[in-house]
């Protein structure tokens, strides 16, 4: 019974995160930074040159490149946003585990909820 009481807050946190993040993931066309993160090299430009010419981190371009294997025209917004949503959910989970190690379960749950709400409003 003690094991269930330890895992229940984590399951609730992950379930709510999944539900709220994934429910409207493909809701609209690409906006702002999403367009800039697409892997669209110029003619004759290889991947290394493309990544070095960007002002953003290379991982998001590599992710969009991998997703272009499944959707070369980038017309499925849900599919392209899915890896980033999963990374956000995992970030909340690992944040919860880290705070639980440093403090306790109650503080970890409250702080994870607050960081989730902050990420949801952005």
PDB file of N, CA and C in Angstrom:
ATOM      1  N   UNK A   1       0.822  -1.200   0.000  1.00  0.00           N
ATOM      2  CA  UNK A   1       0.000   0.000   0.000  1.00  0.00           C
ATOM      3  C   UNK A   1       0.862   1.259   0.000  1.00  0.00           C
ATOM      4  N   UNK A   2       1.981   1.186   0.708  1.00  0.00           N
ATOM      5  CA  UNK A   2       2.885   2.335   0.752  1.00  0.00           C
ATOM      6  C   UNK A   2       3.447   2.624  -0.641  1.00  0.00           C
ATOM      7  N   UNK A   3       3.712   1.565  -1.412  1.00  0.00           N
ATOM      8  CA  UNK A   3       4.245   1.725  -2.763  1.00  0.00           C
ATOM      9  C   UNK A   3       3.243   2.461  -3.659  1.00  0.00           C
ATOM     10  N   UNK A   4       1.955   2.149  -3.517  1.00  0.00           N
ATOM     11  CA  UNK A   4       0.929   2.826  -4.310  1.00  0.00           C
ATOM     12  C   UNK A   4       0.832   4.304  -3.951  1.00  0.00           C
ATOM     13  N   UNK A   5       0.952   4.619  -2.687  1.00  0.00           N
ATOM     14  CA  UNK A   5       0.856   6.026  -2.276  1.00  0.00           C
ATOM     15  C   UNK A   5       2.057   6.825  -2.775  1.00  0.00           C
ATOM     16  N   UNK A   6       3.173   6.155  -3.020  1.00  0.00           N
ATOM     17  CA  UNK A   6       4.339   6.840  -3.567  1.00  0.00           C
ATOM     18  C   UNK A   6       4.218   7.078  -5.065  1.00  0.00           C
ATOM     19  N   UNK A   7       3.588   6.151  -5.764  1.00  0.00           N
ATOM     20  CA  UNK A   7       3.523   6.242  -7.219  1.00  0.00           C
ATOM     21  C   UNK A   7       2.278   7.004  -7.702  1.00  0.00           C
ATOM     22  N   UNK A   8       1.253   7.103  -6.898  1.00  0.00           N
ATOM     23  CA  UNK A   8       0.011   7.757  -7.316  1.00  0.00           C
ATOM     24  C   UNK A   8       0.195   9.222  -7.715  1.00  0.00           C
ATOM     25  N   UNK A   9       0.938  10.043  -6.954  1.00  0.00           N
ATOM     26  CA  UNK A   9       1.125  11.435  -7.403  1.00  0.00           C
ATOM     27  C   UNK A   9       1.860  11.536  -8.735  1.00  0.00           C
ATOM     28  N   UNK A  10       2.814  10.661  -8.955  1.00  0.00           N
ATOM     29  CA  UNK A  10       3.570  10.685 -10.212  1.00  0.00           C
ATOM     30  C   UNK A  10       2.662  10.290 -11.372  1.00  0.00           C
ATOM     31  N   UNK A  11       1.851   9.276 -11.175  1.00  0.00           N
ATOM     32  CA  UNK A  11       0.929   8.838 -12.228  1.00  0.00           C
ATOM     33  C   UNK A  11      -0.066   9.953 -12.540  1.00  0.00           C
ATOM     34  N   UNK A  12      -0.596  10.598 -11.511  1.00  0.00           N
ATOM     35  CA  UNK A  12      -1.535  11.710 -11.734  1.00  0.00           C
ATOM     36  C   UNK A  12      -0.856  12.853 -12.479  1.00  0.00           C
ATOM     37  N   UNK A  13       0.351  13.195 -12.085  1.00  0.00           N
ATOM     38  CA  UNK A  13       1.084  14.277 -12.733  1.00  0.00           C
ATOM     39  C   UNK A  13       1.347  13.960 -14.204  1.00  0.00           C
ATOM     40  N   UNK A  14       1.785  12.752 -14.491  1.00  0.00           N
ATOM     41  CA  UNK A  14       2.064  12.357 -15.874  1.00  0.00           C
ATOM     42  C   UNK A  14       0.761  12.294 -16.687  1.00  0.00           C
ATOM     43  N   UNK A  15      -0.299  11.758 -16.106  1.00  0.00           N
ATOM     44  CA  UNK A  15      -1.574  11.676 -16.825  1.00  0.00           C
ATOM     45  C   UNK A  15      -2.105  13.061 -17.172  1.00  0.00           C
ATOM     46  N   UNK A  16      -2.090  13.966 -16.213  1.00  0.00           N
ATOM     47  CA  UNK A  16      -2.575  15.323 -16.475  1.00  0.00           C
ATOM     48  C   UNK A  16      -1.684  16.011 -17.496  1.00  0.00           C
ATOM     49  N   UNK A  17      -0.381  15.814 -17.392  1.00  0.00           N
ATOM     50  CA  UNK A  17       0.542  16.400 -18.369  1.00  0.00           C
ATOM     51  C   UNK A  17       0.279  15.867 -19.772  1.00  0.00           C
ATOM     52  N   UNK A  18       0.111  14.555 -19.881  1.00  0.00           N
ATOM     53  CA  UNK A  18      -0.175  13.961 -21.183  1.00  0.00           C
ATOM     54  C   UNK A  18      -1.479  14.497 -21.758  1.00  0.00           C
ATOM     55  N   UNK A  19      -2.494  14.511 -20.940  1.00  0.00           N
ATOM     56  CA  UNK A  19      -3.804  14.936 -21.425  1.00  0.00           C
ATOM     57  C   UNK A  19      -3.786  16.389 -21.876  1.00  0.00           C
ATOM     58  N   UNK A  20      -3.221  17.267 -21.059  1.00  0.00           N
ATOM     59  CA  UNK A  20      -3.243  18.679 -21.404  1.00  0.00           C
ATOM     60  C   UNK A  20      -2.285  19.029 -22.539  1.00  0.00           C
ATOM     61  N   UNK A  21      -1.203  18.311 -22.676  1.00  0.00           N
ATOM     62  CA  UNK A  21      -0.249  18.615 -23.742  1.00  0.00           C
ATOM     63  C   UNK A  21      -0.671  18.046 -25.096  1.00  0.00           C
ATOM     64  N   UNK A  22      -1.229  16.852 -25.078  1.00  0.00           N
ATOM     65  CA  UNK A  22      -1.488  16.163 -26.337  1.00  0.00           C
ATOM     66  C   UNK A  22      -2.870  16.422 -26.922  1.00  0.00           C
ATOM     67  N   UNK A  23      -3.787  16.965 -26.145  1.00  0.00           N
ATOM     68  CA  UNK A  23      -5.170  17.081 -26.608  1.00  0.00           C
ATOM     69  C   UNK A  23      -5.316  18.021 -27.806  1.00  0.00           C
ATOM     70  N   UNK A  24      -4.585  19.099 -27.857  1.00  0.00           N
ATOM     71  CA  UNK A  24      -4.694  20.059 -28.961  1.00  0.00           C
ATOM     72  C   UNK A  24      -3.357  20.280 -29.651  1.00  0.00           C
ATOM     73  N   UNK A  25      -2.572  19.253 -29.771  1.00  0.00           N
ATOM     74  CA  UNK A  25      -1.218  19.398 -30.300  1.00  0.00           C
ATOM     75  C   UNK A  25      -1.195  19.772 -31.778  1.00  0.00           C
ATOM     76  N   UNK A  26      -2.145  19.300 -32.543  1.00  0.00           N
ATOM     77  CA  UNK A  26      -2.176  19.626 -33.963  1.00  0.00           C
ATOM     78  C   UNK A  26      -3.212  20.683 -34.285  1.00  0.00           C
ATOM     79  N   UNK A  27      -3.433  21.603 -33.370  1.00  0.00           N
ATOM     80  CA  UNK A  27      -4.560  22.540 -33.442  1.00  0.00           C
ATOM     81  C   UNK A  27      -4.464  23.595 -34.529  1.00  0.00           C
ATOM     82  N   UNK A  28      -3.280  23.993 -34.924  1.00  0.00           N
ATOM     83  CA  UNK A  28      -3.189  25.114 -35.862  1.00  0.00           C
ATOM     84  C   UNK A  28      -1.951  24.971 -36.736  1.00  0.00           C
ATOM     85  N   UNK A  29      -1.809  25.904 -37.653  1.00  0.00           N
ATOM     86  CA  UNK A  29      -0.623  25.934 -38.501  1.00  0.00           C
ATOM     87  C   UNK A  29       0.594  26.314 -37.675  1.00  0.00           C
ATOM     88  N   UNK A  30       1.758  26.121 -38.259  1.00  0.00           N
ATOM     89  CA  UNK A  30       2.993  26.471 -37.552  1.00  0.00           C
ATOM     90  C   UNK A  30       3.034  27.970 -37.263  1.00  0.00           C
ATOM     91  N   UNK A  31       3.615  28.316 -36.127  1.00  0.00           N
ATOM     92  CA  UNK A  31       3.685  29.711 -35.712  1.00  0.00           C
ATOM     93  C   UNK A  31       5.113  30.061 -35.302  1.00  0.00           C
ATOM     94  N   UNK A  32       5.506  31.272 -35.567  1.00  0.00           N
ATOM     95  CA  UNK A  32       6.755  31.852 -35.071  1.00  0.00           C
ATOM     96  C   UNK A  32       7.969  30.961 -35.127  1.00  0.00           C
ATOM     97  N   UNK A  33       8.451  30.555 -33.961  1.00  0.00           N
ATOM     98  CA  UNK A  33       9.674  29.764 -33.846  1.00  0.00           C
ATOM     99  C   UNK A  33       9.543  28.364 -34.437  1.00  0.00           C
ATOM    100  N   UNK A  34       8.327  27.863 -34.553  1.00  0.00           N
ATOM    101  CA  UNK A  34       8.159  26.529 -35.127  1.00  0.00           C
ATOM    102  C   UNK A  34       8.605  26.502 -36.582  1.00  0.00           C
ATOM    103  N   UNK A  35       8.338  27.567 -37.306  1.00  0.00           N
ATOM    104  CA  UNK A  35       8.747  27.634 -38.716  1.00  0.00           C
ATOM    105  C   UNK A  35      10.265  27.709 -38.822  1.00  0.00           C
ATOM    106  N   UNK A  36      10.896  28.449 -37.915  1.00  0.00           N
ATOM    107  CA  UNK A  36      12.349  28.599 -37.953  1.00  0.00           C
ATOM    108  C   UNK A  36      13.074  27.311 -37.572  1.00  0.00           C
ATOM    109  N   UNK A  37      12.391  26.396 -36.866  1.00  0.00           N
ATOM    110  CA  UNK A  37      13.021  25.154 -36.421  1.00  0.00           C
ATOM    111  C   UNK A  37      12.939  24.029 -37.440  1.00  0.00           C
ATOM    112  N   UNK A  38      12.292  24.265 -38.559  1.00  0.00           N
ATOM    113  CA  UNK A  38      12.199  23.220 -39.581  1.00  0.00           C
ATOM    114  C   UNK A  38      13.539  23.071 -40.301  1.00  0.00           C
ATOM    115  N   UNK A  39      13.871  21.841 -40.626  1.00  0.00           N
ATOM    116  CA  UNK A  39      15.116  21.570 -41.344  1.00  0.00           C
ATOM    117  C   UNK A  39      14.866  21.784 -42.828  1.00  0.00           C
ATOM    118  N   UNK A  40      15.273  22.968 -43.320  1.00  0.00           N
ATOM    119  CA  UNK A  40      15.119  23.312 -44.737  1.00  0.00           C
ATOM    120  C   UNK A  40      16.426  23.908 -45.251  1.00  0.00           C
ATOM    121  N   UNK A  41      17.363  23.055 -45.635  1.00  0.00           N
ATOM    122  CA  UNK A  41      18.638  23.583 -46.149  1.00  0.00           C
ATOM    123  C   UNK A  41      18.478  24.182 -47.535  1.00  0.00           C
ATOM    124  N   UNK A  42      19.405  25.074 -47.872  1.00  0.00           N
ATOM    125  CA  UNK A  42      19.420  25.634 -49.224  1.00  0.00           C
ATOM    126  C   UNK A  42      19.965  24.583 -50.176  1.00  0.00           C
ATOM    127  N   UNK A  43      19.782  24.810 -51.443  1.00  0.00           N
ATOM    128  CA  UNK A  43      20.254  23.854 -52.456  1.00  0.00           C
ATOM    129  C   UNK A  43      21.773  23.709 -52.344  1.00  0.00           C
ATOM    130  N   UNK A  44      22.233  22.479 -52.237  1.00  0.00           N
ATOM    131  CA  UNK A  44      23.661  22.199 -52.158  1.00  0.00           C
ATOM    132  C   UNK A  44      24.257  22.317 -50.760  1.00  0.00           C
ATOM    133  N   UNK A  45      23.470  22.676 -49.775  1.00  0.00           N
ATOM    134  CA  UNK A  45      23.971  22.841 -48.406  1.00  0.00           C
ATOM    135  C   UNK A  45      23.818  21.526 -47.658  1.00  0.00           C
ATOM    136  N   UNK A  46      24.916  21.069 -47.039  1.00  0.00           N
ATOM    137  CA  UNK A  46      24.819  19.829 -46.278  1.00  0.00           C
ATOM    138  C   UNK A  46      24.346  20.127 -44.850  1.00  0.00           C
ATOM    139  N   UNK A  47      24.117  19.064 -44.088  1.00  0.00           N
ATOM    140  CA  UNK A  47      23.540  19.217 -42.753  1.00  0.00           C
ATOM    141  C   UNK A  47      24.466  19.986 -41.807  1.00  0.00           C
ATOM    142  N   UNK A  48      25.737  19.726 -41.830  1.00  0.00           N
ATOM    143  CA  UNK A  48      26.679  20.403 -40.925  1.00  0.00           C
ATOM    144  C   UNK A  48      26.700  21.901 -41.192  1.00  0.00           C
ATOM    145  N   UNK A  49      26.787  22.289 -42.451  1.00  0.00           N
ATOM    146  CA  UNK A  49      26.766  23.719 -42.787  1.00  0.00           C
ATOM    147  C   UNK A  49      25.455  24.365 -42.371  1.00  0.00           C
ATOM    148  N   UNK A  50      24.346  23.655 -42.578  1.00  0.00           N
ATOM    149  CA  UNK A  50      23.046  24.181 -42.182  1.00  0.00           C
ATOM    150  C   UNK A  50      22.988  24.410 -40.676  1.00  0.00           C
ATOM    151  N   UNK A  51      23.449  23.429 -39.903  1.00  0.00           N
ATOM    152  CA  UNK A  51      23.396  23.543 -38.439  1.00  0.00           C
ATOM    153  C   UNK A  51      24.311  24.654 -37.921  1.00  0.00           C
ATOM    154  N   UNK A  52      25.465  24.825 -38.546  1.00  0.00           N
ATOM    155  CA  UNK A  52      26.389  25.866 -38.096  1.00  0.00           C
ATOM    156  C   UNK A  52      25.900  27.269 -38.452  1.00  0.00           C
ATOM    157  N   UNK A  53      25.040  27.407 -39.439  1.00  0.00           N
ATOM    158  CA  UNK A  53      24.510  28.714 -39.831  1.00  0.00           C
ATOM    159  C   UNK A  53      23.295  29.144 -39.021  1.00  0.00           C
ATOM    160  N   UNK A  54      22.785  28.284 -38.158  1.00  0.00           N
ATOM    161  CA  UNK A  54      21.583  28.607 -37.385  1.00  0.00           C
ATOM    162  C   UNK A  54      21.948  29.296 -36.074  1.00  0.00           C
ATOM    163  N   UNK A  55      21.001  30.048 -35.547  1.00  0.00           N
ATOM    164  CA  UNK A  55      21.207  30.717 -34.256  1.00  0.00           C
ATOM    165  C   UNK A  55      20.616  29.921 -33.109  1.00  0.00           C
ATOM    166  N   UNK A  56      19.946  28.839 -33.400  1.00  0.00           N
ATOM    167  CA  UNK A  56      19.318  28.003 -32.385  1.00  0.00           C
ATOM    168  C   UNK A  56      20.143  26.745 -32.187  1.00  0.00           C
ATOM    169  N   UNK A  57      19.798  26.005 -31.150  1.00  0.00           N
ATOM    170  CA  UNK A  57      20.490  24.760 -30.875  1.00  0.00           C
ATOM    171  C   UNK A  57      20.234  23.716 -31.948  1.00  0.00           C
ATOM    172  N   UNK A  58      21.186  22.850 -32.190  1.00  0.00           N
ATOM    173  CA  UNK A  58      21.061  21.911 -33.303  1.00  0.00           C
ATOM    174  C   UNK A  58      20.065  20.776 -33.064  1.00  0.00           C
ATOM    175  N   UNK A  59      19.727  20.472 -31.826  1.00  0.00           N
ATOM    176  CA  UNK A  59      18.875  19.320 -31.557  1.00  0.00           C
ATOM    177  C   UNK A  59      17.486  19.480 -32.172  1.00  0.00           C
ATOM    178  N   UNK A  60      16.910  20.677 -32.085  1.00  0.00           N
ATOM    179  CA  UNK A  60      15.568  20.833 -32.662  1.00  0.00           C
ATOM    180  C   UNK A  60      15.573  20.665 -34.175  1.00  0.00           C
ATOM    181  N   UNK A  61      16.655  21.061 -34.836  1.00  0.00           N
ATOM    182  CA  UNK A  61      16.753  20.843 -36.276  1.00  0.00           C
ATOM    183  C   UNK A  61      16.946  19.362 -36.591  1.00  0.00           C
ATOM    184  N   UNK A  62      17.712  18.672 -35.759  1.00  0.00           N
ATOM    185  CA  UNK A  62      17.891  17.234 -35.962  1.00  0.00           C
ATOM    186  C   UNK A  62      16.575  16.482 -35.753  1.00  0.00           C
ATOM    187  N   UNK A  63      15.788  16.907 -34.781  1.00  0.00           N
ATOM    188  CA  UNK A  63      14.489  16.275 -34.542  1.00  0.00           C
ATOM    189  C   UNK A  63      13.558  16.511 -35.725  1.00  0.00           C
ATOM    190  N   UNK A  64      13.512  17.744 -36.217  1.00  0.00           N
ATOM    191  CA  UNK A  64      12.645  17.998 -37.373  1.00  0.00           C
ATOM    192  C   UNK A  64      13.159  17.262 -38.616  1.00  0.00           C
ATOM    193  N   UNK A  65      14.483  17.077 -38.704  1.00  0.00           N
ATOM    194  CA  UNK A  65      15.023  16.296 -39.821  1.00  0.00           C
ATOM    195  C   UNK A  65      14.565  14.842 -39.720  1.00  0.00           C
ATOM    196  N   UNK A  66      14.637  14.273 -38.530  1.00  0.00           N
ATOM    197  CA  UNK A  66      14.184  12.892 -38.333  1.00  0.00           C
ATOM    198  C   UNK A  66      12.694  12.774 -38.626  1.00  0.00           C
ATOM    199  N   UNK A  67      11.919  13.762 -38.215  1.00  0.00           N
ATOM    200  CA  UNK A  67      10.479  13.731 -38.476  1.00  0.00           C
ATOM    201  C   UNK A  67      10.176  13.923 -39.963  1.00  0.00           C
ATOM    202  N   UNK A  68      11.091  14.552 -40.699  1.00  0.00           N
ATOM    203  CA  UNK A  68      10.862  14.726 -42.133  1.00  0.00           C
ATOM    204  C   UNK A  68      10.942  13.404 -42.891  1.00  0.00           C
ATOM    205  N   UNK A  69      11.527  12.394 -42.275  1.00  0.00           N
ATOM    206  CA  UNK A  69      11.535  11.060 -42.878  1.00  0.00           C
ATOM    207  C   UNK A  69      10.103  10.535 -42.979  1.00  0.00           C
ATOM    208  N   UNK A  70       9.296  10.806 -41.940  1.00  0.00           N
ATOM    209  CA  UNK A  70       7.913  10.346 -41.912  1.00  0.00           C
ATOM    210  C   UNK A  70       6.959  11.313 -42.601  1.00  0.00           C
ATOM    211  N   UNK A  71       7.306  12.590 -42.607  1.00  0.00           N
ATOM    212  CA  UNK A  71       6.430  13.623 -43.161  1.00  0.00           C
ATOM    213  C   UNK A  71       7.290  14.662 -43.886  1.00  0.00           C
ATOM    214  N   UNK A  72       7.709  14.397 -45.129  1.00  0.00           N
ATOM    215  CA  UNK A  72       8.658  15.277 -45.816  1.00  0.00           C
ATOM    216  C   UNK A  72       8.143  16.690 -46.088  1.00  0.00           C
ATOM    217  N   UNK A  73       6.832  16.869 -46.206  1.00  0.00           N
ATOM    218  CA  UNK A  73       6.297  18.199 -46.497  1.00  0.00           C
ATOM    219  C   UNK A  73       6.001  19.012 -45.237  1.00  0.00           C
ATOM    220  N   UNK A  74       6.210  18.423 -44.060  1.00  0.00           N
ATOM    221  CA  UNK A  74       5.922  19.086 -42.776  1.00  0.00           C
ATOM    222  C   UNK A  74       4.471  19.556 -42.694  1.00  0.00           C
ATOM    223  N   UNK A  75       3.541  18.809 -43.266  1.00  0.00           N
ATOM    224  CA  UNK A  75       2.152  19.249 -43.243  1.00  0.00           C
ATOM    225  C   UNK A  75       1.348  18.675 -42.075  1.00  0.00           C
ATOM    226  N   UNK A  76       1.911  17.759 -41.297  1.00  0.00           N
ATOM    227  CA  UNK A  76       1.230  17.205 -40.133  1.00  0.00           C
ATOM    228  C   UNK A  76       1.807  17.857 -38.874  1.00  0.00           C
ATOM    229  N   UNK A  77       1.125  18.869 -38.360  1.00  0.00           N
ATOM    230  CA  UNK A  77       1.616  19.613 -37.203  1.00  0.00           C
ATOM    231  C   UNK A  77       1.710  18.741 -35.957  1.00  0.00           C
ATOM    232  N   UNK A  78       0.733  17.836 -35.787  1.00  0.00           N
ATOM    233  CA  UNK A  78       0.742  16.959 -34.618  1.00  0.00           C
ATOM    234  C   UNK A  78       2.004  16.104 -34.583  1.00  0.00           C
ATOM    235  N   UNK A  79       2.332  15.500 -35.699  1.00  0.00           N
ATOM    236  CA  UNK A  79       3.496  14.614 -35.770  1.00  0.00           C
ATOM    237  C   UNK A  79       4.793  15.371 -35.490  1.00  0.00           C
ATOM    238  N   UNK A  80       4.902  16.579 -35.978  1.00  0.00           N
ATOM    239  CA  UNK A  80       6.125  17.342 -35.778  1.00  0.00           C
ATOM    240  C   UNK A  80       6.242  17.876 -34.349  1.00  0.00           C
ATOM    241  N   UNK A  81       5.131  18.195 -33.725  1.00  0.00           N
ATOM    242  CA  UNK A  81       5.147  18.715 -32.356  1.00  0.00           C
ATOM    243  C   UNK A  81       5.239  17.619 -31.297  1.00  0.00           C
ATOM    244  N   UNK A  82       4.936  16.389 -31.650  1.00  0.00           N
ATOM    245  CA  UNK A  82       4.898  15.291 -30.690  1.00  0.00           C
ATOM    246  C   UNK A  82       6.222  15.064 -29.951  1.00  0.00           C
ATOM    247  N   UNK A  83       7.376  15.001 -30.597  1.00  0.00           N
ATOM    248  CA  UNK A  83       8.621  14.781 -29.838  1.00  0.00           C
ATOM    249  C   UNK A  83       8.907  15.900 -28.832  1.00  0.00           C
ATOM    250  N   UNK A  84       8.555  17.120 -29.185  1.00  0.00           N
ATOM    251  CA  UNK A  84       8.794  18.234 -28.271  1.00  0.00           C
ATOM    252  C   UNK A  84       7.833  18.180 -27.080  1.00  0.00           C
ATOM    253  N   UNK A  85       6.606  17.734 -27.312  1.00  0.00           N
ATOM    254  CA  UNK A  85       5.646  17.576 -26.223  1.00  0.00           C
ATOM    255  C   UNK A  85       6.085  16.459 -25.274  1.00  0.00           C
ATOM    256  N   UNK A  86       6.564  15.363 -25.831  1.00  0.00           N
ATOM    257  CA  UNK A  86       7.049  14.258 -24.995  1.00  0.00           C
ATOM    258  C   UNK A  86       8.260  14.706 -24.178  1.00  0.00           C
ATOM    259  N   UNK A  87       9.135  15.484 -24.778  1.00  0.00           N
ATOM    260  CA  UNK A  87      10.296  15.998 -24.034  1.00  0.00           C
ATOM    261  C   UNK A  87       9.848  16.906 -22.888  1.00  0.00           C
ATOM    262  N   UNK A  88       8.813  17.708 -23.107  1.00  0.00           N
ATOM    263  CA  UNK A  88       8.295  18.561 -22.045  1.00  0.00           C
ATOM    264  C   UNK A  88       7.695  17.759 -20.903  1.00  0.00           C
ATOM    265  N   UNK A  89       6.984  16.684 -21.231  1.00  0.00           N
ATOM    266  CA  UNK A  89       6.394  15.818 -20.206  1.00  0.00           C
ATOM    267  C   UNK A  89       7.490  15.110 -19.417  1.00  0.00           C
ATOM    268  N   UNK A  90       8.496  14.617 -20.103  1.00  0.00           N
ATOM    269  CA  UNK A  90       9.618  13.969 -19.412  1.00  0.00           C
ATOM    270  C   UNK A  90      10.383  14.960 -18.539  1.00  0.00           C
ATOM    271  N   UNK A  91      10.474  16.203 -18.978  1.00  0.00           N
ATOM    272  CA  UNK A  91      11.153  17.216 -18.167  1.00  0.00           C
ATOM    273  C   UNK A  91      10.417  17.440 -16.848  1.00  0.00           C
ATOM    274  N   UNK A  92       9.104  17.449 -16.889  1.00  0.00           N
ATOM    275  CA  UNK A  92       8.328  17.612 -15.658  1.00  0.00           C
ATOM    276  C   UNK A  92       8.524  16.402 -14.748  1.00  0.00           C
ATOM    277  N   UNK A  93       8.542  15.202 -15.321  1.00  0.00           N
ATOM    278  CA  UNK A  93       8.751  13.995 -14.526  1.00  0.00           C
ATOM    279  C   UNK A  93      10.129  14.009 -13.841  1.00  0.00           C
ATOM    280  N   UNK A  94      11.170  14.310 -14.601  1.00  0.00           N
ATOM    281  CA  UNK A  94      12.512  14.327 -14.009  1.00  0.00           C
ATOM    282  C   UNK A  94      12.676  15.470 -13.009  1.00  0.00           C
ATOM    283  N   UNK A  95      12.015  16.575 -13.254  1.00  0.00           N
ATOM    284  CA  UNK A  95      12.022  17.669 -12.290  1.00  0.00           C
ATOM    285  C   UNK A  95      11.386  17.206 -10.980  1.00  0.00           C
ATOM    286  N   UNK A  96      10.271  16.485 -11.075  1.00  0.00           N
ATOM    287  CA  UNK A  96       9.604  15.938  -9.889  1.00  0.00           C
ATOM    288  C   UNK A  96      10.552  15.007  -9.133  1.00  0.00           C
ATOM    289  N   UNK A  97      11.210  14.101  -9.841  1.00  0.00           N
ATOM    290  CA  UNK A  97      12.116  13.149  -9.185  1.00  0.00           C
ATOM    291  C   UNK A  97      13.289  13.860  -8.508  1.00  0.00           C
ATOM    292  N   UNK A  98      13.819  14.876  -9.154  1.00  0.00           N
ATOM    293  CA  UNK A  98      14.934  15.609  -8.575  1.00  0.00           C
ATOM    294  C   UNK A  98      14.509  16.349  -7.308  1.00  0.00           C
ATOM    295  N   UNK A  99      13.390  17.043  -7.356  1.00  0.00           N
ATOM    296  CA  UNK A  99      12.928  17.781  -6.178  1.00  0.00           C
ATOM    297  C   UNK A  99      12.571  16.820  -5.055  1.00  0.00           C
ATOM    298  N   UNK A 100      12.022  15.663  -5.389  1.00  0.00           N
ATOM    299  CA  UNK A 100      11.691  14.664  -4.368  1.00  0.00           C
ATOM    300  C   UNK A 100      12.961  14.154  -3.674  1.00  0.00           C
ATOM    301  N   UNK A 101      14.040  14.011  -4.426  1.00  0.00           N
ATOM    302  CA  UNK A 101      15.309  13.594  -3.816  1.00  0.00           C
ATOM    303  C   UNK A 101      15.845  14.648  -2.849  1.00  0.00           C
ATOM    304  N   UNK A 102      15.703  15.906  -3.226  1.00  0.00           N
ATOM    305  CA  UNK A 102      16.263  16.981  -2.423  1.00  0.00           C
ATOM    306  C   UNK A 102      15.373  17.383  -1.240  1.00  0.00           C
ATOM    307  N   UNK A 103      14.056  17.293  -1.417  1.00  0.00           N
ATOM    308  CA  UNK A 103      13.144  17.746  -0.369  1.00  0.00           C
ATOM    309  C   UNK A 103      12.218  16.610   0.045  1.00  0.00           C
ATOM    310  N   UNK A 104      10.969  16.676  -0.347  1.00  0.00           N
ATOM    311  CA  UNK A 104      10.044  15.578  -0.060  1.00  0.00           C
ATOM    312  C   UNK A 104       8.992  15.500  -1.152  1.00  0.00           C
ATOM    313  N   UNK A 105       8.098  14.514  -1.004  1.00  0.00           N
ATOM    314  CA  UNK A 105       7.112  14.255  -2.048  1.00  0.00           C
ATOM    315  C   UNK A 105       6.128  15.411  -2.217  1.00  0.00           C
ATOM    316  N   UNK A 106       5.699  16.011  -1.143  1.00  0.00           N
ATOM    317  CA  UNK A 106       4.713  17.102  -1.213  1.00  0.00           C
ATOM    318  C   UNK A 106       5.297  18.326  -1.933  1.00  0.00           C
ATOM    319  N   UNK A 107       6.493  18.714  -1.567  1.00  0.00           N
ATOM    320  CA  UNK A 107       7.133  19.856  -2.221  1.00  0.00           C
ATOM    321  C   UNK A 107       7.393  19.542  -3.693  1.00  0.00           C
ATOM    322  N   UNK A 108       7.789  18.303  -3.980  1.00  0.00           N
ATOM    323  CA  UNK A 108       8.032  17.909  -5.371  1.00  0.00           C
ATOM    324  C   UNK A 108       6.755  17.996  -6.200  1.00  0.00           C
ATOM    325  N   UNK A 109       5.646  17.563  -5.627  1.00  0.00           N
ATOM    326  CA  UNK A 109       4.380  17.619  -6.355  1.00  0.00           C
ATOM    327  C   UNK A 109       3.949  19.063  -6.596  1.00  0.00           C
ATOM    328  N   UNK A 110       4.036  19.898  -5.578  1.00  0.00           N
ATOM    329  CA  UNK A 110       3.646  21.306  -5.743  1.00  0.00           C
ATOM    330  C   UNK A 110       4.551  22.038  -6.734  1.00  0.00           C
ATOM    331  N   UNK A 111       5.849  21.820  -6.633  1.00  0.00           N
ATOM    332  CA  UNK A 111       6.764  22.521  -7.531  1.00  0.00           C
ATOM    333  C   UNK A 111       6.606  22.022  -8.972  1.00  0.00           C
ATOM    334  N   UNK A 112       6.364  20.733  -9.154  1.00  0.00           N
ATOM    335  CA  UNK A 112       6.137  20.210 -10.503  1.00  0.00           C
ATOM    336  C   UNK A 112       4.849  20.756 -11.087  1.00  0.00           C
ATOM    337  N   UNK A 113       3.838  20.884 -10.249  1.00  0.00           N
ATOM    338  CA  UNK A 113       2.583  21.475 -10.709  1.00  0.00           C
ATOM    339  C   UNK A 113       2.785  22.927 -11.116  1.00  0.00           C
ATOM    340  N   UNK A 114       3.549  23.657 -10.337  1.00  0.00           N
ATOM    341  CA  UNK A 114       3.798  25.062 -10.666  1.00  0.00           C
ATOM    342  C   UNK A 114       4.605  25.210 -11.953  1.00  0.00           C
ATOM    343  N   UNK A 115       5.618  24.376 -12.136  1.00  0.00           N
ATOM    344  CA  UNK A 115       6.401  24.479 -13.369  1.00  0.00           C
ATOM    345  C   UNK A 115       5.562  24.034 -14.564  1.00  0.00           C
ATOM    346  N   UNK A 116       4.674  23.065 -14.365  1.00  0.00           N
ATOM    347  CA  UNK A 116       3.783  22.647 -15.444  1.00  0.00           C
ATOM    348  C   UNK A 116       2.850  23.777 -15.844  1.00  0.00           C
ATOM    349  N   UNK A 117       2.285  24.452 -14.859  1.00  0.00           N
ATOM    350  CA  UNK A 117       1.378  25.559 -15.154  1.00  0.00           C
ATOM    351  C   UNK A 117       2.120  26.704 -15.851  1.00  0.00           C
ATOM    352  N   UNK A 118       3.360  26.945 -15.448  1.00  0.00           N
ATOM    353  CA  UNK A 118       4.146  27.987 -16.072  1.00  0.00           C
ATOM    354  C   UNK A 118       4.443  27.639 -17.527  1.00  0.00           C
ATOM    355  N   UNK A 119       4.778  26.383 -17.809  1.00  0.00           N
ATOM    356  CA  UNK A 119       5.057  25.974 -19.182  1.00  0.00           C
ATOM    357  C   UNK A 119       3.794  25.987 -20.026  1.00  0.00           C
ATOM    358  N   UNK A 120       2.647  25.714 -19.415  1.00  0.00           N
ATOM    359  CA  UNK A 120       1.390  25.669 -20.154  1.00  0.00           C
ATOM    360  C   UNK A 120       0.969  27.058 -20.608  1.00  0.00           C
ATOM    361  N   UNK A 121       1.299  28.093 -19.832  1.00  0.00           N
ATOM    362  CA  UNK A 121       0.881  29.447 -20.189  1.00  0.00           C
ATOM    363  C   UNK A 121       1.758  30.055 -21.262  1.00  0.00           C
ATOM    364  N   UNK A 122       2.920  29.495 -21.537  1.00  0.00           N
ATOM    365  CA  UNK A 122       3.821  30.077 -22.551  1.00  0.00           C
ATOM    366  C   UNK A 122       3.451  29.647 -23.925  1.00  0.00           C
TER     367      UNK A 122
END
